[in-house]
PDB file of N, CA and C in Angstrom:
ATOM      1  N   MET A   1       1.311  -0.838   0.186  1.00  0.00           N
ATOM      2  CA  MET A   1       0.005  -0.226  -0.426  1.00  0.00           C
ATOM      3  C   MET A   1       0.940   1.046  -0.134  1.00  0.00           C
ATOM      4  N   ILE A   2       0.980   1.717  -1.237  1.00  0.00           N
ATOM      5  CA  ILE A   2       1.100   3.284  -0.926  1.00  0.00           C
ATOM      6  C   ILE A   2       0.684   4.685   0.241  1.00  0.00           C
ATOM      7  N   VAL A   3       1.508   5.074   0.752  1.00  0.00           N
ATOM      8  CA  VAL A   3       0.744   6.134   2.036  1.00  0.00           C
ATOM      9  C   VAL A   3       1.856   7.487   1.625  1.00  0.00           C
ATOM     10  N   LEU A   4       1.205   9.058   1.481  1.00  0.00           N
ATOM     11  CA  LEU A   4       2.251   9.725   1.306  1.00  0.00           C
ATOM     12  C   LEU A   4       0.591  10.799   1.751  1.00  0.00           C
ATOM     13  N   VAL A   5       0.911  12.012   2.165  1.00  0.00           N
ATOM     14  CA  VAL A   5      -0.242  13.008   2.464  1.00  0.00           C
ATOM     15  C   VAL A   5      -0.061  14.132   1.918  1.00  0.00           C
ATOM     16  N   THR A   6      -0.957  14.639   1.220  1.00  0.00           N
ATOM     17  CA  THR A   6      -0.240  15.866  -0.081  1.00  0.00           C
ATOM     18  C   THR A   6      -0.357  17.296   1.583  1.00  0.00           C
ATOM     19  N   ALA A   7      -0.983  17.271   2.061  1.00  0.00           N
ATOM     20  CA  ALA A   7      -2.083  18.454   2.539  1.00  0.00           C
ATOM     21  C   ALA A   7      -2.369  18.218   3.827  1.00  0.00           C
ATOM     22  N   LEU A   8      -2.242  19.204   4.938  1.00  0.00           N
ATOM     23  CA  LEU A   8      -2.339  18.983   6.650  1.00  0.00           C
ATOM     24  C   LEU A   8      -3.601  20.614   6.589  1.00  0.00           C
ATOM     25  N   ILE A   9      -4.622  20.183   7.748  1.00  0.00           N
ATOM     26  CA  ILE A   9      -4.567  21.553   7.648  1.00  0.00           C
ATOM     27  C   ILE A   9      -5.019  21.854   9.241  1.00  0.00           C
ATOM     28  N   SER A  10      -4.916  22.786  10.553  1.00  0.00           N
ATOM     29  CA  SER A  10      -4.977  22.200  12.037  1.00  0.00           C
ATOM     30  C   SER A  10      -5.353  23.355  12.084  1.00  0.00           C
ATOM     31  N   VAL A  11      -6.957  23.964  13.131  1.00  0.00           N
ATOM     32  CA  VAL A  11      -6.751  24.754  14.037  1.00  0.00           C
ATOM     33  C   VAL A  11      -6.612  25.068  15.156  1.00  0.00           C
ATOM     34  N   PRO A  12      -5.077  25.042  15.524  1.00  0.00           N
ATOM     35  CA  PRO A  12      -4.431  25.376  16.753  1.00  0.00           C
ATOM     36  C   PRO A  12      -5.359  26.001  18.089  1.00  0.00           C
ATOM     37  N   SER A  13      -5.416  27.256  17.370  1.00  0.00           N
ATOM     38  CA  SER A  13      -6.173  27.997  18.266  1.00  0.00           C
ATOM     39  C   SER A  13      -7.774  28.573  18.843  1.00  0.00           C
ATOM     40  N   ASN A  14      -8.254  26.951  17.879  1.00  0.00           N
ATOM     41  CA  ASN A  14      -9.527  26.505  18.539  1.00  0.00           C
ATOM     42  C   ASN A  14      -9.679  26.180  19.856  1.00  0.00           C
ATOM     43  N   ALA A  15     -10.461  25.237  19.884  1.00  0.00           N
ATOM     44  CA  ALA A  15     -11.021  24.223  20.840  1.00  0.00           C
ATOM     45  C   ALA A  15     -10.882  22.950  20.742  1.00  0.00           C
ATOM     46  N   CYS A  16     -10.616  22.306  19.887  1.00  0.00           N
ATOM     47  CA  CYS A  16      -8.984  21.006  20.053  1.00  0.00           C
ATOM     48  C   CYS A  16      -8.243  21.410  18.534  1.00  0.00           C
ATOM     49  N   GLU A  17      -6.851  20.528  19.071  1.00  0.00           N
ATOM     50  CA  GLU A  17      -6.150  20.056  18.267  1.00  0.00           C
ATOM     51  C   GLU A  17      -6.429  18.819  17.408  1.00  0.00           C
ATOM     52  N   ILE A  18      -7.107  19.221  15.628  1.00  0.00           N
ATOM     53  CA  ILE A  18      -6.934  18.494  14.981  1.00  0.00           C
ATOM     54  C   ILE A  18      -5.992  16.812  14.555  1.00  0.00           C
ATOM     55  N   THR A  19      -5.338  16.356  14.208  1.00  0.00           N
ATOM     56  CA  THR A  19      -4.191  16.012  12.926  1.00  0.00           C
ATOM     57  C   THR A  19      -4.480  14.372  12.475  1.00  0.00           C
ATOM     58  N   PHE A  20      -3.735  13.954  11.901  1.00  0.00           N
ATOM     59  CA  PHE A  20      -3.270  12.927  11.262  1.00  0.00           C
ATOM     60  C   PHE A  20      -2.255  12.201  11.029  1.00  0.00           C
ATOM     61  N   LYS A  21      -2.368  10.161  12.000  1.00  0.00           N
ATOM     62  CA  LYS A  21      -1.575   9.911  11.332  1.00  0.00           C
ATOM     63  C   LYS A  21      -0.857   8.904  10.004  1.00  0.00           C
ATOM     64  N   PRO A  22      -0.448   8.608   9.695  1.00  0.00           N
ATOM     65  CA  PRO A  22       0.240   9.804   8.930  1.00  0.00           C
ATOM     66  C   PRO A  22      -0.444  10.516   8.350  1.00  0.00           C
ATOM     67  N   PRO A  23       0.920  12.307   8.561  1.00  0.00           N
ATOM     68  CA  PRO A  23      -0.212  13.655   7.852  1.00  0.00           C
ATOM     69  C   PRO A  23       0.509  13.454   6.401  1.00  0.00           C
ATOM     70  N   VAL A  24       0.986  12.398   5.744  1.00  0.00           N
ATOM     71  CA  VAL A  24       0.458  12.243   4.327  1.00  0.00           C
ATOM     72  C   VAL A  24       0.100  11.192   3.672  1.00  0.00           C
ATOM     73  N   LEU A  25      -0.450  11.475   2.712  1.00  0.00           N
ATOM     74  CA  LEU A  25      -1.342   9.625   2.493  1.00  0.00           C
ATOM     75  C   LEU A  25      -1.640  10.108   0.676  1.00  0.00           C
ATOM     76  N   LYS A  26      -1.620   8.684   0.107  1.00  0.00           N
ATOM     77  CA  LYS A  26      -1.430   9.069  -1.054  1.00  0.00           C
ATOM     78  C   LYS A  26      -1.963   7.482  -1.998  1.00  0.00           C
ATOM     79  N   GLY A  27      -3.235   6.784  -2.969  1.00  0.00           N
ATOM     80  CA  GLY A  27      -3.182   6.070  -3.270  1.00  0.00           C
ATOM     81  C   GLY A  27      -4.073   5.810  -4.283  1.00  0.00           C
ATOM     82  N   LYS A  28      -4.541   4.885  -5.317  1.00  0.00           N
ATOM     83  CA  LYS A  28      -4.922   4.191  -6.156  1.00  0.00           C
ATOM     84  C   LYS A  28      -6.291   4.212  -5.886  1.00  0.00           C
ATOM     85  N   LEU A  29      -6.869   5.117  -6.485  1.00  0.00           N
ATOM     86  CA  LEU A  29      -8.489   4.709  -6.853  1.00  0.00           C
ATOM     87  C   LEU A  29      -9.096   3.198  -6.727  1.00  0.00           C
ATOM     88  N   GLY A  30      -9.650   3.781  -5.938  1.00  0.00           N
ATOM     89  CA  GLY A  30     -10.149   2.274  -5.101  1.00  0.00           C
ATOM     90  C   GLY A  30      -9.594   1.077  -4.265  1.00  0.00           C
ATOM     91  N   GLN A  31      -8.550   1.944  -3.664  1.00  0.00           N
ATOM     92  CA  GLN A  31      -8.612   1.076  -2.896  1.00  0.00           C
ATOM     93  C   GLN A  31      -8.733   2.127  -1.322  1.00  0.00           C
ATOM     94  N   THR A  32      -8.275   1.260  -0.097  1.00  0.00           N
ATOM     95  CA  THR A  32      -9.236   1.735   1.030  1.00  0.00           C
ATOM     96  C   THR A  32      -7.191   1.629   1.560  1.00  0.00           C
ATOM     97  N   VAL A  33      -7.133   3.321   1.866  1.00  0.00           N
ATOM     98  CA  VAL A  33      -6.337   3.228   2.626  1.00  0.00           C
ATOM     99  C   VAL A  33      -6.675   3.487   4.726  1.00  0.00           C
ATOM    100  N   LYS A  34      -6.031   3.675   5.117  1.00  0.00           N
ATOM    101  CA  LYS A  34      -5.960   3.407   6.771  1.00  0.00           C
ATOM    102  C   LYS A  34      -4.907   5.086   7.036  1.00  0.00           C
ATOM    103  N   VAL A  35      -5.371   5.196   7.751  1.00  0.00           N
ATOM    104  CA  VAL A  35      -5.327   7.131   8.721  1.00  0.00           C
ATOM    105  C   VAL A  35      -5.533   6.760   9.813  1.00  0.00           C
ATOM    106  N   THR A  36      -4.930   7.726  11.057  1.00  0.00           N
ATOM    107  CA  THR A  36      -5.521   7.895  12.725  1.00  0.00           C
ATOM    108  C   THR A  36      -5.985   8.706  12.425  1.00  0.00           C
ATOM    109  N   ALA A  37      -7.108   9.780  13.484  1.00  0.00           N
ATOM    110  CA  ALA A  37      -7.532  10.943  13.424  1.00  0.00           C
ATOM    111  C   ALA A  37      -6.375  10.874  14.756  1.00  0.00           C
ATOM    112  N   VAL A  38      -6.158  11.619  15.626  1.00  0.00           N
ATOM    113  CA  VAL A  38      -5.710  12.568  16.812  1.00  0.00           C
ATOM    114  C   VAL A  38      -6.742  14.022  16.883  1.00  0.00           C
ATOM    115  N   VAL A  39      -7.071  13.819  17.966  1.00  0.00           N
ATOM    116  CA  VAL A  39      -7.548  14.836  18.697  1.00  0.00           C
ATOM    117  C   VAL A  39      -7.030  15.533  20.276  1.00  0.00           C
ATOM    118  N   TRP A  40      -6.363  16.150  20.098  1.00  0.00           N
ATOM    119  CA  TRP A  40      -5.935  17.157  21.552  1.00  0.00           C
ATOM    120  C   TRP A  40      -7.039  17.842  22.255  1.00  0.00           C
ATOM    121  N   TRP A  41      -7.572  17.791  23.628  1.00  0.00           N
ATOM    122  CA  TRP A  41      -8.361  18.656  23.767  1.00  0.00           C
ATOM    123  C   TRP A  41      -8.336  19.493  24.364  1.00  0.00           C
ATOM    124  N   GLU A  42      -8.943  20.958  24.228  1.00  0.00           N
ATOM    125  CA  GLU A  42      -8.802  22.766  24.623  1.00  0.00           C
ATOM    126  C   GLU A  42      -8.326  22.106  25.875  1.00  0.00           C
ATOM    127  N   HIS A  43      -9.624  21.936  26.711  1.00  0.00           N
ATOM    128  CA  HIS A  43      -9.777  21.985  28.022  1.00  0.00           C
ATOM    129  C   HIS A  43      -9.977  21.226  28.600  1.00  0.00           C
ATOM    130  N   ARG A  44      -9.275  21.575  30.168  1.00  0.00           N
ATOM    131  CA  ARG A  44      -9.268  19.754  30.432  1.00  0.00           C
ATOM    132  C   ARG A  44     -10.296  19.357  30.695  1.00  0.00           C
ATOM    133  N   ARG A  45     -11.242  20.251  31.134  1.00  0.00           N
ATOM    134  CA  ARG A  45     -12.679  19.401  31.451  1.00  0.00           C
ATOM    135  C   ARG A  45     -13.790  19.955  30.520  1.00  0.00           C
ATOM    136  N   CYS A  46     -13.501  19.344  29.303  1.00  0.00           N
ATOM    137  CA  CYS A  46     -14.165  19.234  27.944  1.00  0.00           C
ATOM    138  C   CYS A  46     -15.551  18.922  28.222  1.00  0.00           C
ATOM    139  N   GLU A  47     -16.553  20.197  28.287  1.00  0.00           N
ATOM    140  CA  GLU A  47     -17.887  19.943  27.714  1.00  0.00           C
ATOM    141  C   GLU A  47     -18.576  18.915  27.120  1.00  0.00           C
ATOM    142  N   LEU A  48     -18.008  18.618  25.540  1.00  0.00           N
ATOM    143  CA  LEU A  48     -18.589  17.698  24.719  1.00  0.00           C
ATOM    144  C   LEU A  48     -17.310  16.363  25.061  1.00  0.00           C
ATOM    145  N   GLY A  49     -18.626  15.245  24.853  1.00  0.00           N
ATOM    146  CA  GLY A  49     -17.707  14.257  24.637  1.00  0.00           C
ATOM    147  C   GLY A  49     -16.883  13.548  23.588  1.00  0.00           C
ATOM    148  N   LYS A  50     -16.398  12.212  23.966  1.00  0.00           N
ATOM    149  CA  LYS A  50     -15.033  12.080  23.248  1.00  0.00           C
ATOM    150  C   LYS A  50     -16.082  11.890  21.747  1.00  0.00           C
ATOM    151  N   ASP A  51     -17.694  11.310  21.555  1.00  0.00           N
ATOM    152  CA  ASP A  51     -17.878  11.062  20.444  1.00  0.00           C
ATOM    153  C   ASP A  51     -18.330  11.954  19.225  1.00  0.00           C
ATOM    154  N   ASP A  52     -18.302  13.753  20.024  1.00  0.00           N
ATOM    155  CA  ASP A  52     -18.711  15.146  20.252  1.00  0.00           C
ATOM    156  C   ASP A  52     -18.166  15.636  18.822  1.00  0.00           C
ATOM    157  N   VAL A  53     -17.649  13.987  17.775  1.00  0.00           N
ATOM    158  CA  VAL A  53     -16.603  14.150  16.270  1.00  0.00           C
ATOM    159  C   VAL A  53     -17.168  14.437  15.061  1.00  0.00           C
ATOM    160  N   ASP A  54     -17.457  15.085  14.259  1.00  0.00           N
ATOM    161  CA  ASP A  54     -18.281  14.678  12.761  1.00  0.00           C
ATOM    162  C   ASP A  54     -16.543  14.225  11.928  1.00  0.00           C
ATOM    163  N   ILE A  55     -17.257  13.538  11.468  1.00  0.00           N
ATOM    164  CA  ILE A  55     -16.562  13.074  10.185  1.00  0.00           C
ATOM    165  C   ILE A  55     -16.856  12.679   9.402  1.00  0.00           C
ATOM    166  N   GLU A  56     -16.442  13.517   7.748  1.00  0.00           N
ATOM    167  CA  GLU A  56     -16.452  13.618   6.510  1.00  0.00           C
ATOM    168  C   GLU A  56     -15.818  13.491   5.635  1.00  0.00           C
ATOM    169  N   VAL A  57     -15.841  12.252   4.739  1.00  0.00           N
ATOM    170  CA  VAL A  57     -15.303  11.858   3.301  1.00  0.00           C
ATOM    171  C   VAL A  57     -16.043  12.774   2.347  1.00  0.00           C
ATOM    172  N   ARG A  58     -14.833  13.212   1.414  1.00  0.00           N
ATOM    173  CA  ARG A  58     -15.474  13.946  -0.017  1.00  0.00           C
ATOM    174  C   ARG A  58     -14.493  12.961  -0.936  1.00  0.00           C
ATOM    175  N   GLY A  59     -15.439  12.046  -1.972  1.00  0.00           N
ATOM    176  CA  GLY A  59     -14.586  12.166  -2.968  1.00  0.00           C
ATOM    177  C   GLY A  59     -14.236  10.421  -2.686  1.00  0.00           C
ATOM    178  N   GLY A  60     -14.387  10.070  -0.968  1.00  0.00           N
ATOM    179  CA  GLY A  60     -14.484   9.063  -0.971  1.00  0.00           C
ATOM    180  C   GLY A  60     -15.494   8.322   0.463  1.00  0.00           C
ATOM    181  N   LYS A  61     -14.740   7.161   0.983  1.00  0.00           N
ATOM    182  CA  LYS A  61     -16.065   6.263   1.198  1.00  0.00           C
ATOM    183  C   LYS A  61     -15.347   5.969   2.943  1.00  0.00           C
ATOM    184  N   LEU A  62     -16.327   6.205   4.045  1.00  0.00           N
ATOM    185  CA  LEU A  62     -15.410   5.535   5.578  1.00  0.00           C
ATOM    186  C   LEU A  62     -16.136   4.004   5.500  1.00  0.00           C
ATOM    187  N   VAL A  63     -15.219   3.346   5.206  1.00  0.00           N
ATOM    188  CA  VAL A  63     -15.507   2.327   5.344  1.00  0.00           C
ATOM    189  C   VAL A  63     -15.446   1.351   7.114  1.00  0.00           C
ATOM    190  N   LYS A  64     -14.082   2.071   7.769  1.00  0.00           N
ATOM    191  CA  LYS A  64     -14.782   1.013   9.565  1.00  0.00           C
ATOM    192  C   LYS A  64     -13.989   2.059   9.641  1.00  0.00           C
ATOM    193  N   GLN A  65     -14.272   1.883  11.307  1.00  0.00           N
ATOM    194  CA  GLN A  65     -13.048   3.146  12.110  1.00  0.00           C
ATOM    195  C   GLN A  65     -13.684   2.010  13.520  1.00  0.00           C
ATOM    196  N   SER A  66     -12.886   3.008  14.536  1.00  0.00           N
ATOM    197  CA  SER A  66     -11.982   2.125  15.249  1.00  0.00           C
ATOM    198  C   SER A  66     -12.829   2.796  16.833  1.00  0.00           C
ATOM    199  N   GLY A  67     -13.357   3.629  16.711  1.00  0.00           N
ATOM    200  CA  GLY A  67     -13.962   4.265  17.572  1.00  0.00           C
ATOM    201  C   GLY A  67     -13.033   5.334  18.314  1.00  0.00           C
ATOM    202  N   TRP A  68     -13.300   6.709  18.808  1.00  0.00           N
ATOM    203  CA  TRP A  68     -11.897   6.971  20.001  1.00  0.00           C
ATOM    204  C   TRP A  68     -12.257   6.494  20.980  1.00  0.00           C
ATOM    205  N   GLU A  69     -10.312   6.609  21.113  1.00  0.00           N
ATOM    206  CA  GLU A  69      -9.655   5.778  22.356  1.00  0.00           C
ATOM    207  C   GLU A  69      -9.148   6.042  22.962  1.00  0.00           C
ATOM    208  N   LYS A  70      -9.282   6.744  23.970  1.00  0.00           N
ATOM    209  CA  LYS A  70      -8.136   7.699  25.022  1.00  0.00           C
ATOM    210  C   LYS A  70      -6.966   7.125  23.973  1.00  0.00           C
ATOM    211  N   VAL A  71      -5.990   7.860  24.537  1.00  0.00           N
ATOM    212  CA  VAL A  71      -4.278   7.327  24.462  1.00  0.00           C
ATOM    213  C   VAL A  71      -3.735   8.088  25.532  1.00  0.00           C
ATOM    214  N   ASP A  72      -4.159   8.842  25.746  1.00  0.00           N
ATOM    215  CA  ASP A  72      -3.282  10.225  26.696  1.00  0.00           C
ATOM    216  C   ASP A  72      -4.268  10.820  27.504  1.00  0.00           C
ATOM    217  N   ARG A  73      -4.203  11.844  28.834  1.00  0.00           N
ATOM    218  CA  ARG A  73      -5.103  12.524  28.693  1.00  0.00           C
ATOM    219  C   ARG A  73      -5.678  14.090  28.232  1.00  0.00           C
ATOM    220  N   GLY A  74      -6.523  13.811  28.113  1.00  0.00           N
ATOM    221  CA  GLY A  74      -6.741  14.960  26.248  1.00  0.00           C
ATOM    222  C   GLY A  74      -6.701  14.498  24.790  1.00  0.00           C
ATOM    223  N   VAL A  75      -6.275  13.629  25.047  1.00  0.00           N
ATOM    224  CA  VAL A  75      -6.128  12.793  23.652  1.00  0.00           C
ATOM    225  C   VAL A  75      -6.413  11.822  23.098  1.00  0.00           C
ATOM    226  N   TYR A  76      -6.951  11.850  21.531  1.00  0.00           N
ATOM    227  CA  TYR A  76      -7.924  10.493  21.645  1.00  0.00           C
ATOM    228  C   TYR A  76      -7.819  10.516  20.363  1.00  0.00           C
ATOM    229  N   GLU A  77      -7.662   9.244  19.715  1.00  0.00           N
ATOM    230  CA  GLU A  77      -7.860   8.891  18.141  1.00  0.00           C
ATOM    231  C   GLU A  77      -8.755   7.920  18.122  1.00  0.00           C
ATOM    232  N   ASN A  78      -8.720   7.102  16.593  1.00  0.00           N
ATOM    233  CA  ASN A  78      -9.343   6.622  16.176  1.00  0.00           C
ATOM    234  C   ASN A  78      -9.286   6.538  14.867  1.00  0.00           C
ATOM    235  N   ASP A  79      -9.263   5.194  14.966  1.00  0.00           N
ATOM    236  CA  ASP A  79      -8.245   4.651  13.046  1.00  0.00           C
ATOM    237  C   ASP A  79      -9.271   4.605  12.573  1.00  0.00           C
ATOM    238  N   LEU A  80      -9.413   5.330  10.949  1.00  0.00           N
ATOM    239  CA  LEU A  80     -10.397   4.939   9.971  1.00  0.00           C
ATOM    240  C   LEU A  80      -9.742   4.219   8.637  1.00  0.00           C
ATOM    241  N   GLN A  81     -10.381   3.563   8.000  1.00  0.00           N
ATOM    242  CA  GLN A  81     -10.541   3.080   6.981  1.00  0.00           C
ATOM    243  C   GLN A  81     -11.388   3.477   5.985  1.00  0.00           C
ATOM    244  N   ILE A  82     -10.443   3.988   4.720  1.00  0.00           N
ATOM    245  CA  ILE A  82     -11.074   5.053   3.990  1.00  0.00           C
ATOM    246  C   ILE A  82     -11.209   4.170   2.487  1.00  0.00           C
ATOM    247  N   LYS A  83     -12.099   3.788   1.385  1.00  0.00           N
ATOM    248  CA  LYS A  83     -12.063   3.535   0.077  1.00  0.00           C
ATOM    249  C   LYS A  83     -12.112   4.400  -1.232  1.00  0.00           C
ATOM    250  N   LEU A  84     -10.827   5.095  -1.789  1.00  0.00           N
ATOM    251  CA  LEU A  84     -10.655   5.449  -2.016  1.00  0.00           C
ATOM    252  C   LEU A  84     -12.194   6.024  -3.776  1.00  0.00           C
ATOM    253  N   GLU A  85     -13.094   6.829  -4.202  1.00  0.00           N
ATOM    254  CA  GLU A  85     -13.055   7.003  -5.299  1.00  0.00           C
ATOM    255  C   GLU A  85     -13.300   7.991  -5.620  1.00  0.00           C
ATOM    256  N   ARG A  86     -12.595   8.552  -6.260  1.00  0.00           N
ATOM    257  CA  ARG A  86     -12.212   9.281  -7.504  1.00  0.00           C
ATOM    258  C   ARG A  86     -10.784   9.932  -7.416  1.00  0.00           C
ATOM    259  N   LYS A  87     -10.633  10.064  -8.101  1.00  0.00           N
ATOM    260  CA  LYS A  87      -9.015  10.628  -8.912  1.00  0.00           C
ATOM    261  C   LYS A  87      -8.797  11.576  -8.414  1.00  0.00           C
ATOM    262  N   GLY A  88      -7.336  12.289  -8.527  1.00  0.00           N
ATOM    263  CA  GLY A  88      -7.652  13.823  -7.942  1.00  0.00           C
ATOM    264  C   GLY A  88      -7.508  14.177  -6.430  1.00  0.00           C
ATOM    265  N   THR A  89      -8.117  13.673  -5.463  1.00  0.00           N
ATOM    266  CA  THR A  89      -8.213  14.667  -4.116  1.00  0.00           C
ATOM    267  C   THR A  89      -9.384  14.528  -3.609  1.00  0.00           C
ATOM    268  N   VAL A  90      -9.338  13.233  -2.667  1.00  0.00           N
ATOM    269  CA  VAL A  90      -9.968  12.703  -1.578  1.00  0.00           C
ATOM    270  C   VAL A  90      -9.793  13.738  -0.140  1.00  0.00           C
ATOM    271  N   GLU A  91     -11.082  14.078  -0.123  1.00  0.00           N
ATOM    272  CA  GLU A  91     -10.862  15.321   1.825  1.00  0.00           C
ATOM    273  C   GLU A  91     -11.591  14.001   2.772  1.00  0.00           C
ATOM    274  N   LEU A  92     -10.687  14.357   3.984  1.00  0.00           N
ATOM    275  CA  LEU A  92     -11.121  13.192   4.859  1.00  0.00           C
ATOM    276  C   LEU A  92     -11.483  14.887   5.853  1.00  0.00           C
ATOM    277  N   ASP A  93     -12.064  14.918   6.220  1.00  0.00           N
ATOM    278  CA  ASP A  93     -12.602  16.456   7.190  1.00  0.00           C
ATOM    279  C   ASP A  93     -12.983  15.803   8.785  1.00  0.00           C
ATOM    280  N   VAL A  94     -12.462  16.200   9.770  1.00  0.00           N
ATOM    281  CA  VAL A  94     -12.666  16.141  10.745  1.00  0.00           C
ATOM    282  C   VAL A  94     -12.804  16.914  12.107  1.00  0.00           C
ATOM    283  N   HIS A  95     -14.188  17.066  12.509  1.00  0.00           N
ATOM    284  CA  HIS A  95     -14.477  18.501  13.037  1.00  0.00           C
ATOM    285  C   HIS A  95     -15.195  18.371  14.383  1.00  0.00           C
ATOM    286  N   ARG A  96     -14.888  19.174  15.913  1.00  0.00           N
ATOM    287  CA  ARG A  96     -15.301  19.684  16.755  1.00  0.00           C
ATOM    288  C   ARG A  96     -16.273  20.516  16.828  1.00  0.00           C
ATOM    289  N   ARG A  97     -16.794  21.070  17.479  1.00  0.00           N
ATOM    290  CA  ARG A  97     -17.881  22.374  17.733  1.00  0.00           C
ATOM    291  C   ARG A  97     -17.860  22.352  19.506  1.00  0.00           C
ATOM    292  N   CYS A  98     -17.291  24.310  19.656  1.00  0.00           N
ATOM    293  CA  CYS A  98     -17.433  24.015  21.373  1.00  0.00           C
ATOM    294  C   CYS A  98     -18.017  25.429  21.827  1.00  0.00           C
ATOM    295  N   ARG A  99     -18.918  25.634  21.837  1.00  0.00           N
ATOM    296  CA  ARG A  99     -19.469  26.921  22.356  1.00  0.00           C
ATOM    297  C   ARG A  99     -18.801  27.468  22.866  1.00  0.00           C
ATOM    298  N   LYS A 100     -17.291  27.272  23.858  1.00  0.00           N
ATOM    299  CA  LYS A 100     -16.790  28.515  24.507  1.00  0.00           C
ATOM    300  C   LYS A 100     -15.968  28.708  22.626  1.00  0.00           C
ATOM    301  N   LYS A 101     -15.453  27.672  22.482  1.00  0.00           N
ATOM    302  CA  LYS A 101     -13.594  27.666  21.069  1.00  0.00           C
ATOM    303  C   LYS A 101     -14.148  28.005  20.392  1.00  0.00           C
ATOM    304  N   GLY A 102     -15.232  27.412  19.438  1.00  0.00           N
ATOM    305  CA  GLY A 102     -16.103  27.745  18.604  1.00  0.00           C
ATOM    306  C   GLY A 102     -15.019  26.506  16.965  1.00  0.00           C
ATOM    307  N   LEU A 103     -15.005  26.425  15.978  1.00  0.00           N
ATOM    308  CA  LEU A 103     -15.206  24.992  15.478  1.00  0.00           C
ATOM    309  C   LEU A 103     -13.373  24.906  14.901  1.00  0.00           C
ATOM    310  N   SER A 104     -12.979  23.420  15.981  1.00  0.00           N
ATOM    311  CA  SER A 104     -11.773  22.668  15.150  1.00  0.00           C
ATOM    312  C   SER A 104     -11.964  22.026  14.082  1.00  0.00           C
ATOM    313  N   ILE A 105     -10.988  21.649  12.645  1.00  0.00           N
ATOM    314  CA  ILE A 105     -10.905  21.316  11.804  1.00  0.00           C
ATOM    315  C   ILE A 105     -10.132  21.104  11.694  1.00  0.00           C
ATOM    316  N   GLY A 106     -10.015  19.652  11.363  1.00  0.00           N
ATOM    317  CA  GLY A 106      -8.561  18.604  11.154  1.00  0.00           C
ATOM    318  C   GLY A 106      -8.972  18.455   8.881  1.00  0.00           C
ATOM    319  N   ILE A 107      -8.020  19.005   8.271  1.00  0.00           N
ATOM    320  CA  ILE A 107      -8.352  18.373   6.809  1.00  0.00           C
ATOM    321  C   ILE A 107      -7.524  17.701   6.269  1.00  0.00           C
ATOM    322  N   LEU A 108      -7.391  16.507   6.069  1.00  0.00           N
ATOM    323  CA  LEU A 108      -6.482  15.805   5.376  1.00  0.00           C
ATOM    324  C   LEU A 108      -7.032  15.159   3.580  1.00  0.00           C
ATOM    325  N   LYS A 109      -5.629  15.760   2.978  1.00  0.00           N
ATOM    326  CA  LYS A 109      -6.212  15.926   1.191  1.00  0.00           C
ATOM    327  C   LYS A 109      -5.714  14.444   0.833  1.00  0.00           C
ATOM    328  N   ILE A 110      -5.894  13.371   0.606  1.00  0.00           N
ATOM    329  CA  ILE A 110      -5.442  12.697  -0.047  1.00  0.00           C
ATOM    330  C   ILE A 110      -5.122  12.317  -1.534  1.00  0.00           C
ATOM    331  N   LYS A 111      -4.077  12.341  -1.835  1.00  0.00           N
ATOM    332  CA  LYS A 111      -4.178  12.746  -3.448  1.00  0.00           C
ATOM    333  C   LYS A 111      -4.334  10.747  -4.406  1.00  0.00           C
ATOM    334  N   VAL A 112      -5.058  10.839  -5.330  1.00  0.00           N
ATOM    335  CA  VAL A 112      -5.960   9.870  -5.516  1.00  0.00           C
ATOM    336  C   VAL A 112      -4.958   9.349  -7.322  1.00  0.00           C
ATOM    337  N   GLU A 113      -4.665   8.872  -7.367  1.00  0.00           N
ATOM    338  CA  GLU A 113      -4.089   8.029  -9.236  1.00  0.00           C
ATOM    339  C   GLU A 113      -4.839   7.274  -9.655  1.00  0.00           C
TER     340      GLU A 113
END
């Protein structure tokens, strides 16, 4: 499996920081790729639950996820499998909305050959 990502956008000044492992991802049309979404909570006592995270895939399909699991204090990970359904770019969008700090969003652009 070829793994390389073209862009990662994170908004650290908002409610949470959202990143991806690996930070670069590339694949072929029809392939299913694996990526881990990571959320670092901004607030020690977050009013949102660990599952108050929206995941959208444009140009592909989320076929499987592990669910949000705590890996450290205020740090959660979710292992995702995404089927690449169009050439060019598939976008993975992970976001949370906090009433105190607003929207946190992480976008991973996956290059598809």
